Protein backbone atom coordinates (compact mmCIF):
# COMPACT_ATOMS: atom_id res chain seq x y z
CA UNK A 1 -171.23 77.25 -174.15
CA UNK A 2 -168.03 75.92 -175.86
CA UNK A 3 -170.57 72.67 -177.18
CA UNK A 4 -172.25 75.43 -178.98
CA UNK A 5 -169.92 77.19 -180.52
CA UNK A 6 -167.85 73.84 -181.62
CA UNK A 7 -170.71 72.54 -183.40
CA UNK A 8 -171.59 75.92 -184.99
CA UNK A 9 -167.92 75.38 -186.11
CA UNK A 10 -168.63 72.25 -187.40
CA UNK A 11 -171.67 73.40 -189.40
CA UNK A 12 -169.46 75.87 -191.08
CA UNK A 13 -166.54 73.48 -191.61
CA UNK A 14 -167.42 70.39 -190.85
CA UNK A 15 -163.48 69.14 -191.79
CA UNK A 16 -161.78 70.95 -189.14
CA UNK A 17 -164.29 69.97 -186.54
CA UNK A 18 -164.77 66.22 -185.68
CA UNK A 19 -168.60 65.49 -184.66
CA UNK A 20 -166.72 63.41 -182.04
CA UNK A 21 -165.18 66.47 -180.70
CA UNK A 22 -168.52 68.46 -180.73
CA UNK A 23 -169.63 64.72 -178.34
CA UNK A 24 -167.05 64.93 -175.74
CA UNK A 25 -167.64 68.41 -175.17
CA UNK A 26 -171.51 67.92 -174.76
CA UNK A 27 -170.61 65.40 -172.62
CA UNK A 28 -168.63 67.60 -170.54
CA UNK A 29 -171.45 69.09 -169.88
CA UNK A 30 -173.82 66.57 -169.89
CA UNK A 31 -175.25 68.34 -166.54
CA UNK A 32 -176.25 71.87 -167.96
CA UNK A 33 -179.34 72.76 -170.02
CA UNK A 34 -179.18 71.92 -173.94
CA UNK A 35 -177.09 68.51 -172.97
CA UNK A 36 -179.48 66.75 -175.29
CA UNK A 37 -178.39 68.58 -178.68
CA UNK A 38 -175.17 66.29 -178.36
CA UNK A 39 -176.85 63.12 -179.21
CA UNK A 40 -176.82 63.87 -182.33
CA UNK A 41 -173.42 64.76 -183.31
CA UNK A 42 -172.44 61.59 -180.81
CA UNK A 43 -174.24 59.53 -183.25
CA UNK A 44 -172.83 61.07 -186.16
CA UNK A 45 -169.01 60.13 -184.26
CA UNK A 46 -170.66 56.46 -183.83
CA UNK A 47 -171.38 56.36 -187.52
CA UNK A 48 -168.31 57.05 -188.63
CA UNK A 49 -166.98 54.83 -186.34
CA UNK A 50 -168.45 52.00 -187.56
CA UNK A 51 -167.88 52.08 -190.74
CA UNK A 52 -164.35 52.25 -189.88
CA UNK A 53 -164.91 49.05 -188.13
CA UNK A 54 -163.95 50.80 -184.93
CA UNK A 55 -166.57 49.22 -182.65
CA UNK A 56 -165.44 50.15 -179.44
CA UNK A 57 -165.10 53.31 -180.80
CA UNK A 58 -168.37 53.33 -181.95
CA UNK A 59 -169.74 52.17 -178.46
CA UNK A 60 -168.11 54.59 -176.31
CA UNK A 61 -169.94 57.41 -178.62
CA UNK A 62 -173.54 55.57 -178.33
CA UNK A 63 -172.76 55.24 -174.76
CA UNK A 64 -172.31 59.26 -175.07
CA UNK A 65 -175.61 59.67 -176.38
CA UNK A 66 -177.98 57.69 -174.54
CA UNK A 67 -176.37 59.39 -171.27
CA UNK A 68 -177.07 62.28 -173.37
CA UNK A 69 -180.56 62.16 -174.36
CA UNK A 70 -182.99 63.43 -171.64
CA UNK A 71 -185.54 60.59 -169.93
CA UNK A 72 -188.38 59.54 -172.13
CA UNK A 73 -186.61 60.87 -175.21
CA UNK A 74 -187.75 58.73 -178.33
CA UNK A 75 -184.52 57.51 -179.87
CA UNK A 76 -183.24 56.18 -176.77
CA UNK A 77 -184.62 52.72 -177.12
CA UNK A 78 -183.09 52.68 -180.61
CA UNK A 79 -179.79 54.10 -179.24
CA UNK A 80 -179.43 51.50 -176.41
CA UNK A 81 -180.25 48.79 -179.20
CA UNK A 82 -177.51 50.09 -181.43
CA UNK A 83 -175.55 50.00 -178.56
CA UNK A 84 -176.37 46.59 -177.48
CA UNK A 85 -175.10 45.73 -181.35
CA UNK A 86 -172.36 48.02 -180.96
CA UNK A 87 -171.06 46.24 -177.93
CA UNK A 88 -171.45 42.60 -179.61
CA UNK A 89 -168.89 43.71 -182.24
CA UNK A 90 -166.27 45.14 -179.58
CA UNK A 91 -166.42 41.72 -178.56
CA UNK A 92 -167.22 43.61 -175.19
CA UNK A 93 -169.81 40.04 -174.55
CA UNK A 94 -171.05 40.56 -171.24
CA UNK A 95 -171.51 43.92 -171.91
CA UNK A 96 -173.61 43.41 -175.07
CA UNK A 97 -175.53 40.72 -172.83
CA UNK A 98 -177.31 43.11 -170.78
CA UNK A 99 -178.05 46.34 -172.64
CA UNK A 100 -179.15 43.94 -175.42
CA UNK A 101 -181.53 42.13 -173.35
CA UNK A 102 -182.92 45.51 -171.33
CA UNK A 103 -183.16 47.32 -175.06
CA UNK A 104 -185.52 44.44 -176.63
CA UNK A 105 -187.57 45.12 -173.90
CA UNK A 106 -187.90 48.72 -174.66
CA UNK A 107 -188.24 48.24 -178.84
CA UNK A 108 -191.06 45.77 -177.42
CA UNK A 109 -192.64 48.34 -175.14
CA UNK A 110 -192.75 51.06 -178.39
CA UNK A 111 -192.34 48.80 -181.29
CA UNK A 112 -193.55 45.77 -180.74
CA UNK A 113 -192.44 42.31 -179.93
CA UNK A 114 -191.30 41.20 -183.26
CA UNK A 115 -189.77 43.86 -183.30
CA UNK A 116 -187.59 43.36 -180.44
CA UNK A 117 -187.32 39.69 -181.88
CA UNK A 118 -185.75 40.64 -184.79
CA UNK A 119 -183.42 42.61 -182.39
CA UNK A 120 -182.15 40.21 -180.54
CA UNK A 121 -181.79 37.72 -183.21
CA UNK A 122 -179.51 40.21 -184.88
CA UNK A 123 -177.18 40.25 -181.50
CA UNK A 124 -177.24 36.62 -181.24
CA UNK A 125 -176.31 36.30 -184.71
CA UNK A 126 -173.00 39.04 -184.04
CA UNK A 127 -171.82 36.80 -180.63
CA UNK A 128 -172.38 33.37 -182.92
CA UNK A 129 -170.19 35.63 -185.48
CA UNK A 130 -167.84 36.38 -183.04
CA UNK A 131 -167.54 32.80 -182.01
CA UNK A 132 -169.21 32.98 -178.83
CA UNK A 133 -171.91 30.74 -179.09
CA UNK A 134 -172.57 30.99 -175.24
CA UNK A 135 -173.33 34.82 -175.08
CA UNK A 136 -175.85 34.20 -178.40
CA UNK A 137 -178.06 31.36 -176.00
CA UNK A 138 -178.31 33.96 -172.89
CA UNK A 139 -180.77 35.90 -175.35
CA UNK A 140 -182.62 33.41 -176.75
CA UNK A 141 -185.24 32.85 -174.64
CA UNK A 142 -186.48 36.25 -174.11
CA UNK A 143 -186.30 36.33 -177.87
CA UNK A 144 -188.36 33.13 -178.61
CA UNK A 145 -190.85 34.83 -175.70
CA UNK A 146 -191.23 37.70 -177.99
CA UNK A 147 -191.45 35.56 -181.22
CA UNK A 148 -193.93 33.07 -180.71
CA UNK A 149 -196.06 34.88 -183.23
CA UNK A 150 -193.21 35.33 -185.85
CA UNK A 151 -192.96 31.92 -188.70
CA UNK A 152 -190.06 33.46 -190.46
CA UNK A 153 -185.94 33.61 -190.62
CA UNK A 154 -185.78 35.67 -187.17
CA UNK A 155 -187.99 32.78 -185.14
CA UNK A 156 -185.79 30.13 -187.35
CA UNK A 157 -182.44 31.22 -186.27
CA UNK A 158 -183.66 31.14 -182.72
CA UNK A 159 -184.90 28.02 -182.26
CA UNK A 160 -181.57 27.03 -184.15
CA UNK A 161 -179.41 28.47 -181.21
CA UNK A 162 -182.19 27.02 -178.87
CA UNK A 163 -181.96 23.21 -180.09
CA UNK A 164 -178.07 23.95 -180.47
CA UNK A 165 -177.83 24.66 -176.89
CA UNK A 166 -180.06 21.51 -175.75
CA UNK A 167 -178.39 19.45 -177.59
CA UNK A 168 -174.99 20.69 -176.18
CA UNK A 169 -176.59 20.52 -172.92
CA UNK A 170 -177.23 16.39 -173.46
CA UNK A 171 -173.34 16.23 -174.77
CA UNK A 172 -175.01 15.33 -178.34
CA UNK A 173 -172.09 17.31 -180.30
CA UNK A 174 -169.15 15.20 -178.44
CA UNK A 175 -171.20 12.59 -179.64
CA UNK A 176 -172.20 13.41 -183.06
CA UNK A 177 -169.42 15.37 -184.91
CA UNK A 178 -171.80 16.53 -187.55
CA UNK A 179 -174.42 18.16 -185.16
CA UNK A 180 -173.63 21.64 -186.32
CA UNK A 181 -174.66 20.37 -189.92
CA UNK A 182 -177.81 18.38 -188.08
CA UNK A 183 -179.22 21.11 -186.91
CA UNK A 184 -179.43 23.36 -189.69
CA UNK A 185 -181.83 20.71 -191.18
CA UNK A 186 -183.10 20.06 -187.38
CA UNK A 187 -183.84 23.68 -187.44
CA UNK A 188 -185.77 24.53 -190.64
CA UNK A 189 -187.72 21.04 -189.72
CA UNK A 190 -189.13 22.95 -186.43
CA UNK A 191 -190.11 25.95 -188.54
CA UNK A 192 -191.90 23.51 -190.91
CA UNK A 193 -193.42 21.76 -187.93
CA UNK A 194 -194.90 25.32 -186.84
CA UNK A 195 -196.26 26.31 -190.43
CA UNK A 196 -197.91 23.32 -190.82
CA UNK A 197 -199.73 24.24 -187.74
CA UNK A 198 -198.73 21.44 -185.50
CA UNK A 199 -198.42 23.73 -182.58
CA UNK A 200 -196.70 27.21 -182.18
CA UNK A 201 -194.10 28.49 -180.15
CA UNK A 202 -192.65 26.60 -177.70
CA UNK A 203 -194.89 23.01 -178.11
CA UNK A 204 -193.69 22.87 -182.12
CA UNK A 205 -190.21 22.95 -180.66
CA UNK A 206 -190.31 20.94 -177.95
CA UNK A 207 -192.37 18.39 -180.39
CA UNK A 208 -189.19 18.74 -182.81
CA UNK A 209 -186.83 18.48 -180.32
CA UNK A 210 -188.32 15.09 -178.61
CA UNK A 211 -188.35 13.74 -182.23
CA UNK A 212 -184.70 14.79 -182.51
CA UNK A 213 -183.64 13.33 -179.41
CA UNK A 214 -184.93 10.03 -180.66
CA UNK A 215 -183.51 10.67 -183.47
CA UNK A 216 -180.30 10.59 -181.61
CA UNK A 217 -180.76 7.69 -179.27
CA UNK A 218 -181.95 4.94 -182.23
CA UNK A 219 -178.21 6.46 -184.04
CA UNK A 220 -176.32 5.53 -180.59
């Protein structure tokens, strides 16, 4: 009852009652009927926090939104996807990997495989921007599996990360300080290979990766 009263008061005077305050009250009443009405204020509060670069706070409000949404709510896949990205921005990286993987599977089921691939590429980019390419690598296999029918920047960015991971595993970075620059051309080359029809998905990737490895052997 108090949550509904706060929401009504906010409708009359948004400046006096914050969206976060309304969402918090709905969270306290989560077991009661009608708690799903708290999803909208929780989402609004998350957007306000994100606009202020308060990513930890945004993640907290998105968590509330996910908790208040009833099972089967059509908003849940995108809410969870947004939570995964917010966790990455908040540097809660291990949590972000787990949430992003689950959210991608849900997006694939309701919006299609390409949407899931695009989402995973976005979260992986957030990880690399945060200086944690290792967490980005954890999303690559799932992302490439969903991106198999794409021939665009999403596939190329995921491919770059996968080739980076393989080179790191071989110690290429230690032997070749310019490896990051090489890998940019390396990824775009893989994309060209794929677009020319020499193969798709892992086949094209493996062909290009084999050629790149041979090139490094020759240089060594």
